[in-house]
C-alpha atoms as a PDB file:
ATOM      1  CA  MET A   1      -8.322 -74.306-100.970  1.00  0.00           C
ATOM      2  CA  LYS A   2      -6.916 -75.045 -97.497  1.00  0.00           C
ATOM      3  CA  ARG A   3      -5.008 -71.952 -97.554  1.00  0.00           C
ATOM      4  CA  ARG A   4      -7.958 -69.929 -98.611  1.00  0.00           C
ATOM      5  CA  ALA A   5      -9.999 -71.554 -95.804  1.00  0.00           C
ATOM      6  CA  PHE A   6      -7.299 -70.640 -93.382  1.00  0.00           C
ATOM      7  CA  GLN A   7      -7.193 -67.045 -94.509  1.00  0.00           C
ATOM      8  CA  LEU A   8     -10.980 -66.748 -94.198  1.00  0.00           C
ATOM      9  CA  SER A   9     -10.909 -68.293 -90.680  1.00  0.00           C
ATOM     10  CA  MET A  10      -8.136 -65.903 -89.620  1.00  0.00           C
ATOM     11  CA  ALA A  11     -10.126 -62.902 -91.024  1.00  0.00           C
ATOM     12  CA  ALA A  12     -13.215 -64.134 -89.193  1.00  0.00           C
ATOM     13  CA  ALA A  13     -11.303 -64.389 -85.941  1.00  0.00           C
ATOM     14  CA  ALA A  14      -9.792 -60.895 -86.373  1.00  0.00           C
ATOM     15  CA  LEU A  15     -13.312 -59.644 -86.908  1.00  0.00           C
ATOM     16  CA  ALA A  16     -14.542 -61.347 -83.812  1.00  0.00           C
ATOM     17  CA  LEU A  17     -11.701 -59.896 -81.824  1.00  0.00           C
ATOM     18  CA  SER A  18     -12.389 -56.405 -83.131  1.00  0.00           C
ATOM     19  CA  THR A  19     -16.113 -56.737 -82.329  1.00  0.00           C
ATOM     20  CA  SER A  20     -15.150 -58.138 -78.890  1.00  0.00           C
ATOM     21  CA  ALA A  21     -12.881 -55.127 -78.280  1.00  0.00           C
ATOM     22  CA  TYR A  22     -15.654 -52.713 -79.159  1.00  0.00           C
ATOM     23  CA  ALA A  23     -18.063 -54.689 -76.862  1.00  0.00           C
ATOM     24  CA  GLN A  24     -15.591 -54.594 -74.013  1.00  0.00           C
ATOM     25  CA  ALA A  25     -14.472 -50.908 -74.151  1.00  0.00           C
ATOM     26  CA  LYS A  26     -13.948 -49.659 -70.638  1.00  0.00           C
ATOM     27  CA  TRP A  27     -12.927 -46.161 -69.679  1.00  0.00           C
ATOM     28  CA  ASP A  28     -11.656 -44.561 -66.463  1.00  0.00           C
ATOM     29  CA  LEU A  29     -13.077 -41.140 -66.033  1.00  0.00           C
ATOM     30  CA  ALA A  30     -11.293 -38.957 -63.496  1.00  0.00           C
ATOM     31  CA  THR A  31     -12.859 -35.932 -61.604  1.00  0.00           C
ATOM     32  CA  ALA A  32     -11.649 -33.960 -58.554  1.00  0.00           C
ATOM     33  CA  TYR A  33     -15.018 -33.334 -57.051  1.00  0.00           C
ATOM     34  CA  PRO A  34     -17.196 -35.208 -54.620  1.00  0.00           C
ATOM     35  CA  ALA A  35     -19.774 -37.759 -55.869  1.00  0.00           C
ATOM     36  CA  THR A  36     -22.558 -35.586 -54.580  1.00  0.00           C
ATOM     37  CA  ASN A  37     -21.401 -32.419 -56.418  1.00  0.00           C
ATOM     38  CA  PHE A  38     -23.790 -31.486 -59.324  1.00  0.00           C
ATOM     39  CA  HIS A  39     -20.939 -31.665 -61.770  1.00  0.00           C
ATOM     40  CA  THR A  40     -20.069 -35.282 -60.707  1.00  0.00           C
ATOM     41  CA  VAL A  41     -23.917 -36.260 -60.676  1.00  0.00           C
ATOM     42  CA  ASN A  42     -24.096 -34.852 -64.167  1.00  0.00           C
ATOM     43  CA  ILE A  43     -21.045 -36.851 -65.462  1.00  0.00           C
ATOM     44  CA  SER A  44     -22.308 -40.059 -63.845  1.00  0.00           C
ATOM     45  CA  GLN A  45     -25.572 -39.562 -65.660  1.00  0.00           C
ATOM     46  CA  PHE A  46     -23.571 -39.004 -68.887  1.00  0.00           C
ATOM     47  CA  ALA A  47     -21.619 -42.272 -68.292  1.00  0.00           C
ATOM     48  CA  ALA A  48     -24.933 -44.129 -67.738  1.00  0.00           C
ATOM     49  CA  ASP A  49     -26.468 -42.600 -70.806  1.00  0.00           C
ATOM     50  CA  VAL A  50     -23.504 -43.736 -72.979  1.00  0.00           C
ATOM     51  CA  ASP A  51     -23.662 -47.328 -71.366  1.00  0.00           C
ATOM     52  CA  LYS A  52     -27.466 -47.535 -72.325  1.00  0.00           C
ATOM     53  CA  ALA A  53     -27.204 -45.903 -75.762  1.00  0.00           C
ATOM     54  CA  SER A  54     -24.149 -47.903 -76.783  1.00  0.00           C
ATOM     55  CA  GLY A  55     -25.874 -51.213 -75.724  1.00  0.00           C
ATOM     56  CA  GLY A  56     -23.063 -51.833 -73.185  1.00  0.00           C
ATOM     57  CA  LYS A  57     -20.254 -51.325 -75.791  1.00  0.00           C
ATOM     58  CA  LEU A  58     -18.737 -48.576 -73.605  1.00  0.00           C
ATOM     59  CA  LYS A  59     -18.701 -48.546 -69.865  1.00  0.00           C
ATOM     60  CA  MET A  60     -17.089 -45.668 -67.991  1.00  0.00           C
ATOM     61  CA  THR A  61     -15.960 -45.816 -64.353  1.00  0.00           C
ATOM     62  CA  VAL A  62     -16.232 -42.380 -62.654  1.00  0.00           C
ATOM     63  CA  HIS A  63     -13.536 -41.797 -60.094  1.00  0.00           C
ATOM     64  CA  ALA A  64     -14.862 -38.920 -57.958  1.00  0.00           C
ATOM     65  CA  ASN A  65     -13.118 -36.737 -55.379  1.00  0.00           C
ATOM     66  CA  ALA A  66      -9.666 -36.890 -56.923  1.00  0.00           C
ATOM     67  CA  ALA A  67      -9.488 -40.740 -56.128  1.00  0.00           C
ATOM     68  CA  LEU A  68      -7.721 -41.535 -59.354  1.00  0.00           C
ATOM     69  CA  PHE A  69      -5.797 -38.323 -60.102  1.00  0.00           C
ATOM     70  CA  LYS A  70      -5.539 -35.015 -58.249  1.00  0.00           C
ATOM     71  CA  ALA A  71      -7.095 -31.992 -60.059  1.00  0.00           C
ATOM     72  CA  PRO A  72      -3.721 -30.668 -61.501  1.00  0.00           C
ATOM     73  CA  GLU A  73      -2.825 -34.080 -62.919  1.00  0.00           C
ATOM     74  CA  ILE A  74      -6.036 -34.980 -64.680  1.00  0.00           C
ATOM     75  CA  LYS A  75      -5.372 -33.080 -68.102  1.00  0.00           C
ATOM     76  CA  ARG A  76      -1.952 -34.808 -68.419  1.00  0.00           C
ATOM     77  CA  ALA A  77      -3.458 -38.221 -67.578  1.00  0.00           C
ATOM     78  CA  VAL A  78      -5.973 -37.907 -70.298  1.00  0.00           C
ATOM     79  CA  GLN A  79      -3.457 -36.624 -72.719  1.00  0.00           C
ATOM     80  CA  GLY A  80      -1.214 -39.493 -71.951  1.00  0.00           C
ATOM     81  CA  GLY A  81      -3.825 -42.129 -71.944  1.00  0.00           C
ATOM     82  CA  GLN A  82      -3.593 -43.058 -68.298  1.00  0.00           C
ATOM     83  CA  ALA A  83      -7.250 -42.128 -68.161  1.00  0.00           C
ATOM     84  CA  GLN A  84      -9.499 -42.083 -71.106  1.00  0.00           C
ATOM     85  CA  ALA A  85     -11.548 -39.156 -69.904  1.00  0.00           C
ATOM     86  CA  GLY A  86     -11.277 -36.543 -67.197  1.00  0.00           C
ATOM     87  CA  GLU A  87     -12.851 -33.397 -65.956  1.00  0.00           C
ATOM     88  CA  ILE A  88     -10.849 -30.344 -65.541  1.00  0.00           C
ATOM     89  CA  LEU A  89     -11.372 -26.746 -64.408  1.00  0.00           C
ATOM     90  CA  LEU A  90     -10.207 -24.790 -67.383  1.00  0.00           C
ATOM     91  CA  VAL A  91      -8.937 -21.902 -65.524  1.00  0.00           C
ATOM     92  CA  ASN A  92      -6.371 -24.108 -63.794  1.00  0.00           C
ATOM     93  CA  TYR A  93      -4.438 -24.332 -67.060  1.00  0.00           C
ATOM     94  CA  GLN A  94      -4.148 -20.598 -67.914  1.00  0.00           C
ATOM     95  CA  ASN A  95      -0.341 -20.652 -67.443  1.00  0.00           C
ATOM     96  CA  GLU A  96      -0.141 -23.268 -70.171  1.00  0.00           C
ATOM     97  CA  TRP A  97      -2.306 -21.242 -72.611  1.00  0.00           C
ATOM     98  CA  GLN A  98      -4.121 -18.061 -71.795  1.00  0.00           C
ATOM     99  CA  VAL A  99      -7.349 -19.091 -73.472  1.00  0.00           C
ATOM    100  CA  PHE A 100      -7.964 -21.682 -70.900  1.00  0.00           C
ATOM    101  CA  GLY A 101      -8.372 -18.812 -68.360  1.00  0.00           C
ATOM    102  CA  ALA A 102     -10.862 -16.635 -70.247  1.00  0.00           C
ATOM    103  CA  ASP A 103     -13.799 -17.639 -68.093  1.00  0.00           C
ATOM    104  CA  GLY A 104     -11.840 -16.740 -64.833  1.00  0.00           C
ATOM    105  CA  LEU A 105     -11.393 -13.120 -65.645  1.00  0.00           C
ATOM    106  CA  PRO A 106     -13.339 -11.167 -63.102  1.00  0.00           C
ATOM    107  CA  PHE A 107     -16.464  -9.426 -64.415  1.00  0.00           C
ATOM    108  CA  LEU A 108     -15.912 -10.389 -68.075  1.00  0.00           C
ATOM    109  CA  ALA A 109     -18.821 -12.810 -68.141  1.00  0.00           C
ATOM    110  CA  ASP A 110     -20.870 -12.352 -64.928  1.00  0.00           C
ATOM    111  CA  SER A 111     -23.960 -14.161 -65.624  1.00  0.00           C
ATOM    112  CA  TYR A 112     -25.213 -17.504 -67.034  1.00  0.00           C
ATOM    113  CA  ASP A 113     -26.318 -15.794 -70.332  1.00  0.00           C
ATOM    114  CA  GLU A 114     -22.872 -14.119 -70.708  1.00  0.00           C
ATOM    115  CA  ALA A 115     -21.013 -17.308 -69.741  1.00  0.00           C
ATOM    116  CA  ALA A 116     -22.954 -19.111 -72.568  1.00  0.00           C
ATOM    117  CA  LYS A 117     -21.909 -16.438 -75.020  1.00  0.00           C
ATOM    118  CA  LEU A 118     -18.330 -16.632 -73.940  1.00  0.00           C
ATOM    119  CA  TRP A 119     -18.324 -20.406 -74.321  1.00  0.00           C
ATOM    120  CA  LYS A 120     -19.848 -20.145 -77.762  1.00  0.00           C
ATOM    121  CA  VAL A 121     -16.634 -18.150 -78.914  1.00  0.00           C
ATOM    122  CA  GLN A 122     -14.136 -19.905 -76.646  1.00  0.00           C
ATOM    123  CA  ARG A 123     -15.072 -23.537 -77.653  1.00  0.00           C
ATOM    124  CA  PRO A 124     -13.782 -23.562 -81.316  1.00  0.00           C
ATOM    125  CA  VAL A 125     -10.489 -22.041 -80.226  1.00  0.00           C
ATOM    126  CA  LEU A 126     -10.170 -24.589 -77.388  1.00  0.00           C
ATOM    127  CA  GLU A 127     -11.057 -27.573 -79.532  1.00  0.00           C
ATOM    128  CA  LYS A 128      -8.271 -26.662 -82.010  1.00  0.00           C
ATOM    129  CA  LYS A 129      -5.707 -26.436 -79.219  1.00  0.00           C
ATOM    130  CA  LEU A 130      -6.866 -29.700 -77.621  1.00  0.00           C
ATOM    131  CA  ALA A 131      -6.744 -31.507 -80.978  1.00  0.00           C
ATOM    132  CA  GLU A 132      -3.040 -30.537 -81.276  1.00  0.00           C
ATOM    133  CA  GLN A 133      -2.675 -32.339 -77.858  1.00  0.00           C
ATOM    134  CA  GLY A 134      -4.464 -35.467 -78.796  1.00  0.00           C
ATOM    135  CA  MET A 135      -7.692 -34.633 -76.995  1.00  0.00           C
ATOM    136  CA  MET A 136     -11.322 -33.640 -77.610  1.00  0.00           C
ATOM    137  CA  VAL A 137     -13.642 -31.599 -75.343  1.00  0.00           C
ATOM    138  CA  LEU A 138     -16.910 -33.264 -74.995  1.00  0.00           C
ATOM    139  CA  PHE A 139     -18.898 -30.689 -72.997  1.00  0.00           C
ATOM    140  CA  ALA A 140     -18.331 -27.944 -70.479  1.00  0.00           C
ATOM    141  CA  VAL A 141     -20.644 -26.780 -67.601  1.00  0.00           C
ATOM    142  CA  PRO A 142     -20.150 -23.574 -65.354  1.00  0.00           C
ATOM    143  CA  TRP A 143     -19.896 -23.307 -61.707  1.00  0.00           C
ATOM    144  CA  PRO A 144     -22.421 -20.906 -60.116  1.00  0.00           C
ATOM    145  CA  PRO A 145     -21.331 -17.314 -59.892  1.00  0.00           C
ATOM    146  CA  GLN A 146     -18.422 -16.596 -57.590  1.00  0.00           C
ATOM    147  CA  GLY A 147     -18.516 -14.820 -54.322  1.00  0.00           C
ATOM    148  CA  VAL A 148     -16.088 -14.103 -51.482  1.00  0.00           C
ATOM    149  CA  TYR A 149     -15.879 -16.385 -48.489  1.00  0.00           C
ATOM    150  CA  SER A 150     -14.413 -14.642 -45.327  1.00  0.00           C
ATOM    151  CA  LYS A 151     -13.884 -15.414 -41.740  1.00  0.00           C
ATOM    152  CA  LYS A 152     -14.306 -11.779 -40.910  1.00  0.00           C
ATOM    153  CA  PRO A 153     -16.718  -9.038 -42.317  1.00  0.00           C
ATOM    154  CA  LEU A 154     -15.596  -7.188 -45.453  1.00  0.00           C
ATOM    155  CA  ASN A 155     -16.409  -3.689 -46.616  1.00  0.00           C
ATOM    156  CA  SER A 156     -13.617  -3.203 -49.211  1.00  0.00           C
ATOM    157  CA  ALA A 157     -10.660  -4.799 -50.831  1.00  0.00           C
ATOM    158  CA  ALA A 158      -8.467  -3.231 -48.237  1.00  0.00           C
ATOM    159  CA  ASP A 159      -9.960  -5.666 -45.630  1.00  0.00           C
ATOM    160  CA  LEU A 160      -8.346  -8.417 -47.545  1.00  0.00           C
ATOM    161  CA  LYS A 161      -4.850  -7.198 -47.030  1.00  0.00           C
ATOM    162  CA  GLY A 162      -2.587  -9.821 -45.474  1.00  0.00           C
ATOM    163  CA  ILE A 163      -5.370 -12.394 -45.195  1.00  0.00           C
ATOM    164  CA  LYS A 164      -4.591 -15.970 -46.243  1.00  0.00           C
ATOM    165  CA  TRP A 165      -6.511 -16.387 -49.492  1.00  0.00           C
ATOM    166  CA  ARG A 166      -7.115 -19.743 -51.180  1.00  0.00           C
ATOM    167  CA  ALA A 167      -5.717 -19.678 -54.634  1.00  0.00           C
ATOM    168  CA  TYR A 168      -6.600 -22.610 -57.010  1.00  0.00           C
ATOM    169  CA  SER A 169      -5.732 -21.020 -60.303  1.00  0.00           C
ATOM    170  CA  PRO A 170      -3.447 -18.304 -61.783  1.00  0.00           C
ATOM    171  CA  ALA A 171      -6.385 -15.887 -61.771  1.00  0.00           C
ATOM    172  CA  THR A 172      -7.193 -16.356 -58.172  1.00  0.00           C
ATOM    173  CA  ALA A 173      -3.611 -16.023 -57.218  1.00  0.00           C
ATOM    174  CA  ARG A 174      -3.352 -12.773 -59.124  1.00  0.00           C
ATOM    175  CA  ILE A 175      -6.431 -11.485 -57.367  1.00  0.00           C
ATOM    176  CA  ALA A 176      -4.621 -12.105 -54.085  1.00  0.00           C
ATOM    177  CA  GLU A 177      -1.626 -10.073 -55.275  1.00  0.00           C
ATOM    178  CA  LEU A 178      -3.652  -7.266 -56.394  1.00  0.00           C
ATOM    179  CA  VAL A 179      -5.578  -6.819 -53.128  1.00  0.00           C
ATOM    180  CA  GLY A 180      -2.548  -7.559 -51.057  1.00  0.00           C
ATOM    181  CA  ALA A 181      -3.825 -10.916 -49.702  1.00  0.00           C
ATOM    182  CA  GLN A 182      -1.526 -13.914 -49.033  1.00  0.00           C
ATOM    183  CA  PRO A 183      -2.269 -16.583 -51.787  1.00  0.00           C
ATOM    184  CA  VAL A 184      -2.238 -20.257 -50.514  1.00  0.00           C
ATOM    185  CA  THR A 185      -2.733 -23.097 -52.956  1.00  0.00           C
ATOM    186  CA  VAL A 186      -5.613 -25.390 -51.871  1.00  0.00           C
ATOM    187  CA  GLN A 187      -7.330 -27.849 -54.086  1.00  0.00           C
ATOM    188  CA  ALA A 188     -11.076 -28.486 -53.990  1.00  0.00           C
ATOM    189  CA  ALA A 189     -10.729 -31.729 -52.049  1.00  0.00           C
ATOM    190  CA  GLU A 190      -8.861 -29.872 -49.378  1.00  0.00           C
ATOM    191  CA  VAL A 191     -10.948 -26.788 -48.861  1.00  0.00           C
ATOM    192  CA  SER A 192     -12.731 -27.912 -45.678  1.00  0.00           C
ATOM    193  CA  GLN A 193      -9.469 -28.887 -43.922  1.00  0.00           C
ATOM    194  CA  ALA A 194      -7.781 -25.718 -44.975  1.00  0.00           C
ATOM    195  CA  PHE A 195     -10.423 -23.523 -43.524  1.00  0.00           C
ATOM    196  CA  ALA A 196     -10.682 -25.644 -40.289  1.00  0.00           C
ATOM    197  CA  THR A 197      -6.967 -25.513 -39.669  1.00  0.00           C
ATOM    198  CA  GLY A 198      -6.450 -21.884 -40.552  1.00  0.00           C
ATOM    199  CA  VAL A 199      -4.405 -22.545 -43.641  1.00  0.00           C
ATOM    200  CA  THR A 200      -6.737 -20.139 -45.444  1.00  0.00           C
ATOM    201  CA  GLU A 201      -9.240 -17.596 -44.178  1.00  0.00           C
ATOM    202  CA  SER A 202     -10.826 -16.386 -47.392  1.00  0.00           C
ATOM    203  CA  MET A 203     -11.474 -17.299 -50.990  1.00  0.00           C
ATOM    204  CA  MET A 204     -13.415 -16.519 -54.024  1.00  0.00           C
ATOM    205  CA  SER A 205     -15.613 -19.486 -55.117  1.00  0.00           C
ATOM    206  CA  SER A 206     -19.223 -20.577 -55.702  1.00  0.00           C
ATOM    207  CA  GLY A 207     -21.841 -21.471 -53.159  1.00  0.00           C
ATOM    208  CA  SER A 208     -21.571 -25.010 -54.469  1.00  0.00           C
ATOM    209  CA  THR A 209     -17.907 -25.359 -53.350  1.00  0.00           C
ATOM    210  CA  GLY A 210     -18.730 -24.045 -49.909  1.00  0.00           C
ATOM    211  CA  ALA A 211     -21.775 -26.313 -49.535  1.00  0.00           C
ATOM    212  CA  ASP A 212     -19.682 -29.282 -50.574  1.00  0.00           C
ATOM    213  CA  ALA A 213     -17.058 -28.514 -47.948  1.00  0.00           C
ATOM    214  CA  LYS A 214     -19.531 -27.544 -45.218  1.00  0.00           C
ATOM    215  CA  LEU A 215     -17.752 -24.217 -44.848  1.00  0.00           C
ATOM    216  CA  TYR A 216     -20.630 -22.898 -42.674  1.00  0.00           C
ATOM    217  CA  GLU A 217     -18.731 -24.832 -39.888  1.00  0.00           C
ATOM    218  CA  HIS A 218     -15.663 -22.587 -40.246  1.00  0.00           C
ATOM    219  CA  VAL A 219     -16.706 -19.459 -42.230  1.00  0.00           C
ATOM    220  CA  LYS A 220     -19.282 -16.731 -41.244  1.00  0.00           C
ATOM    221  CA  TYR A 221     -19.587 -14.684 -44.437  1.00  0.00           C
ATOM    222  CA  TRP A 222     -20.215 -15.132 -48.119  1.00  0.00           C
ATOM    223  CA  TYR A 223     -20.485 -11.923 -50.306  1.00  0.00           C
ATOM    224  CA  ASP A 224     -22.272 -12.309 -53.635  1.00  0.00           C
ATOM    225  CA  THR A 225     -19.946 -10.501 -56.185  1.00  0.00           C
ATOM    226  CA  GLN A 226     -21.201 -12.479 -59.201  1.00  0.00           C
ATOM    227  CA  ALA A 227     -17.551 -12.202 -60.318  1.00  0.00           C
ATOM    228  CA  TRP A 228     -17.410 -14.981 -62.886  1.00  0.00           C
ATOM    229  CA  LEU A 229     -18.658 -18.399 -63.757  1.00  0.00           C
ATOM    230  CA  PRO A 230     -15.596 -20.752 -64.376  1.00  0.00           C
ATOM    231  CA  LYS A 231     -16.366 -23.841 -66.377  1.00  0.00           C
ATOM    232  CA  ASN A 232     -15.463 -27.432 -65.924  1.00  0.00           C
ATOM    233  CA  ALA A 233     -14.768 -29.300 -69.208  1.00  0.00           C
ATOM    234  CA  LEU A 234     -14.832 -33.048 -69.810  1.00  0.00           C
ATOM    235  CA  LEU A 235     -11.992 -34.097 -71.904  1.00  0.00           C
ATOM    236  CA  VAL A 236     -11.374 -37.383 -73.805  1.00  0.00           C
ATOM    237  CA  ASN A 237      -8.300 -38.892 -75.254  1.00  0.00           C
ATOM    238  CA  LYS A 238      -8.687 -38.846 -79.073  1.00  0.00           C
ATOM    239  CA  LYS A 239      -7.123 -42.187 -79.706  1.00  0.00           C
ATOM    240  CA  ALA A 240      -9.566 -43.751 -77.191  1.00  0.00           C
ATOM    241  CA  PHE A 241     -12.478 -42.025 -78.933  1.00  0.00           C
ATOM    242  CA  ASP A 242     -11.294 -43.061 -82.337  1.00  0.00           C
ATOM    243  CA  ALA A 243     -10.995 -46.689 -81.287  1.00  0.00           C
ATOM    244  CA  LEU A 244     -14.747 -46.804 -80.745  1.00  0.00           C
ATOM    245  CA  ASP A 245     -16.992 -47.937 -83.581  1.00  0.00           C
ATOM    246  CA  LYS A 246     -19.211 -45.157 -85.219  1.00  0.00           C
ATOM    247  CA  PRO A 247     -22.491 -45.985 -83.408  1.00  0.00           C
ATOM    248  CA  THR A 248     -20.677 -45.762 -80.130  1.00  0.00           C
ATOM    249  CA  GLN A 249     -18.935 -42.504 -80.997  1.00  0.00           C
ATOM    250  CA  ASP A 250     -22.360 -41.054 -81.878  1.00  0.00           C
ATOM    251  CA  ALA A 251     -23.756 -42.285 -78.571  1.00  0.00           C
ATOM    252  CA  VAL A 252     -20.895 -40.455 -76.760  1.00  0.00           C
ATOM    253  CA  LEU A 253     -21.414 -37.187 -78.721  1.00  0.00           C
ATOM    254  CA  LYS A 254     -25.202 -37.318 -78.159  1.00  0.00           C
ATOM    255  CA  ALA A 255     -24.802 -37.984 -74.434  1.00  0.00           C
ATOM    256  CA  ALA A 256     -22.350 -35.189 -74.197  1.00  0.00           C
ATOM    257  CA  ALA A 257     -24.637 -32.743 -75.778  1.00  0.00           C
ATOM    258  CA  ASP A 258     -27.421 -33.734 -73.429  1.00  0.00           C
ATOM    259  CA  ALA A 259     -25.081 -33.538 -70.465  1.00  0.00           C
ATOM    260  CA  GLU A 260     -24.035 -29.870 -71.333  1.00  0.00           C
ATOM    261  CA  THR A 261     -27.711 -28.834 -71.613  1.00  0.00           C
ATOM    262  CA  ARG A 262     -28.555 -30.644 -68.354  1.00  0.00           C
ATOM    263  CA  GLY A 263     -25.403 -29.333 -66.621  1.00  0.00           C
ATOM    264  CA  TRP A 264     -26.135 -25.742 -67.149  1.00  0.00           C
ATOM    265  CA  ALA A 265     -29.595 -26.112 -65.837  1.00  0.00           C
ATOM    266  CA  GLU A 266     -28.324 -28.010 -62.813  1.00  0.00           C
ATOM    267  CA  SER A 267     -25.670 -25.241 -62.187  1.00  0.00           C
ATOM    268  CA  LYS A 268     -28.501 -22.753 -61.928  1.00  0.00           C
ATOM    269  CA  LYS A 269     -30.367 -25.018 -59.557  1.00  0.00           C
ATOM    270  CA  ALA A 270     -27.348 -25.772 -57.517  1.00  0.00           C
ATOM    271  CA  ASN A 271     -26.654 -22.083 -57.036  1.00  0.00           C
ATOM    272  CA  GLY A 272     -29.891 -21.540 -55.185  1.00  0.00           C
ATOM    273  CA  GLU A 273     -29.772 -24.861 -53.184  1.00  0.00           C
ATOM    274  CA  SER A 274     -26.116 -24.418 -52.139  1.00  0.00           C
ATOM    275  CA  LEU A 275     -26.714 -20.894 -50.803  1.00  0.00           C
ATOM    276  CA  ASP A 276     -29.726 -22.168 -48.834  1.00  0.00           C
ATOM    277  CA  LYS A 277     -27.512 -24.833 -47.351  1.00  0.00           C
ATOM    278  CA  LEU A 278     -24.940 -22.320 -46.248  1.00  0.00           C
ATOM    279  CA  LYS A 279     -27.582 -20.035 -44.810  1.00  0.00           C
ATOM    280  CA  ALA A 280     -29.157 -22.949 -42.936  1.00  0.00           C
ATOM    281  CA  GLY A 281     -25.793 -23.801 -41.468  1.00  0.00           C
ATOM    282  CA  GLY A 282     -25.407 -20.352 -40.038  1.00  0.00           C
ATOM    283  CA  MET A 283     -23.395 -18.472 -42.735  1.00  0.00           C
ATOM    284  CA  GLN A 284     -24.354 -14.929 -43.676  1.00  0.00           C
ATOM    285  CA  ILE A 285     -25.270 -14.688 -47.354  1.00  0.00           C
ATOM    286  CA  LEU A 286     -24.769 -11.071 -48.194  1.00  0.00           C
ATOM    287  CA  PRO A 287     -24.843  -8.623 -51.152  1.00  0.00           C
ATOM    288  CA  ALA A 288     -21.322  -7.323 -51.902  1.00  0.00           C
ATOM    289  CA  PRO A 289     -20.797  -3.949 -50.347  1.00  0.00           C
ATOM    290  CA  ALA A 290     -20.538  -1.157 -52.895  1.00  0.00           C
ATOM    291  CA  GLN A 291     -16.845  -0.369 -52.215  1.00  0.00           C
ATOM    292  CA  LEU A 292     -15.830  -4.085 -52.336  1.00  0.00           C
ATOM    293  CA  LYS A 293     -17.605  -4.546 -55.712  1.00  0.00           C
ATOM    294  CA  THR A 294     -15.951  -1.328 -57.028  1.00  0.00           C
ATOM    295  CA  ASP A 295     -12.601  -2.550 -55.866  1.00  0.00           C
ATOM    296  CA  MET A 296     -13.029  -5.966 -57.410  1.00  0.00           C
ATOM    297  CA  LYS A 297     -14.247  -4.422 -60.699  1.00  0.00           C
ATOM    298  CA  GLN A 298     -10.904  -2.544 -60.813  1.00  0.00           C
ATOM    299  CA  VAL A 299      -9.098  -5.769 -60.181  1.00  0.00           C
ATOM    300  CA  GLY A 300     -11.020  -7.250 -63.037  1.00  0.00           C
ATOM    301  CA  ASP A 301     -10.105  -4.372 -65.501  1.00  0.00           C
ATOM    302  CA  THR A 302      -6.407  -4.801 -64.608  1.00  0.00           C
ATOM    303  CA  MET A 303      -6.498  -8.565 -65.147  1.00  0.00           C
ATOM    304  CA  LEU A 304      -8.296  -8.267 -68.492  1.00  0.00           C
ATOM    305  CA  LYS A 305      -5.645  -5.860 -69.761  1.00  0.00           C
ATOM    306  CA  GLU A 306      -2.854  -8.242 -68.500  1.00  0.00           C
ATOM    307  CA  TRP A 307      -4.561 -11.256 -69.972  1.00  0.00           C
ATOM    308  CA  LEU A 308      -4.933  -9.555 -73.456  1.00  0.00           C
ATOM    309  CA  ALA A 309      -1.260  -8.625 -73.303  1.00  0.00           C
ATOM    310  CA  LYS A 310      -0.374 -12.351 -72.866  1.00  0.00           C
ATOM    311  CA  ALA A 311      -3.046 -13.850 -75.100  1.00  0.00           C
ATOM    312  CA  GLY A 312      -2.182 -11.635 -78.128  1.00  0.00           C
ATOM    313  CA  PRO A 313      -4.248 -11.430 -81.301  1.00  0.00           C
ATOM    314  CA  GLU A 314      -6.049 -14.739 -80.572  1.00  0.00           C
ATOM    315  CA  GLY A 315      -7.298 -13.542 -77.178  1.00  0.00           C
ATOM    316  CA  GLN A 316      -8.211 -10.161 -78.525  1.00  0.00           C
ATOM    317  CA  ALA A 317     -10.185 -11.679 -81.357  1.00  0.00           C
ATOM    318  CA  MET A 318     -12.150 -13.947 -78.830  1.00  0.00           C
ATOM    319  CA  VAL A 319     -12.984 -11.081 -76.523  1.00  0.00           C
ATOM    320  CA  ASP A 320     -14.003  -8.891 -79.545  1.00  0.00           C
ATOM    321  CA  ALA A 321     -16.415 -11.763 -80.729  1.00  0.00           C
ATOM    322  CA  PHE A 322     -17.783 -12.106 -77.217  1.00  0.00           C
ATOM    323  CA  ARG A 323     -18.633  -8.398 -76.878  1.00  0.00           C
ATOM    324  CA  LYS A 324     -20.294  -8.104 -80.249  1.00  0.00           C
END
């Protein structure tokens, strides 16, 4: 009887510890962007929603502006469990696996509707790959359409020859090569300093990035090329997710679905607001000159062919499904 009582008490203690573990789950969530950026604001709301829906069983600390890990380190940190969750720019990992770079191909998906269509065919392929790496994708949100920042006026791609061009992904580095610019690797948190000190003179990026970095203090021109809408994806370590009880998992997934819907709407809103900020700061917001757009479209055609050659049947099937 005593032994049985002891066993029951031990079982009760184990259950109490398990319940306590669930109640005290704390995650670190790493992101490379400022706390005021619409992506980070959306993620902070996601964390708050999870806290509320789980009844405090899961609390996430959002580490903004690369405070916990620099942008290139976040995926590995989540995969290795140093951070339970983290936001990555998918195109940064194209060299690892070509499908990561699909939404960085110039002019493949050049509007929000096209970007949503691409995500629909990209997500299942991405989920399979991330599962093999011990991770899940919770949601993805696009940046506003990409344009060209330049310290000097541009009429064609020839005007970019020899210019110092910010490269933050394999695709943006390849654009530099194809137009004869000089690629310089600069992460999001360092953009303002890079332009201020002359490390870089031009880049292809969204109005949101420029507004965050107050580039109107250093750059005079932004050309609206509508080139592509690269996505940030929030990844989670699968073991950390599996350690949550079912109601908490459901809370995470529901909050993630809400964050994706909200994030796309906020991206559209941020596009207009950020361009207004740049204009108010003195930057000229201009339509892309016809020759520049033609030249960039040719760059996009070249890069798509190169990408398909590397991505193989998997990439071809995805592009075919996207274009249906």
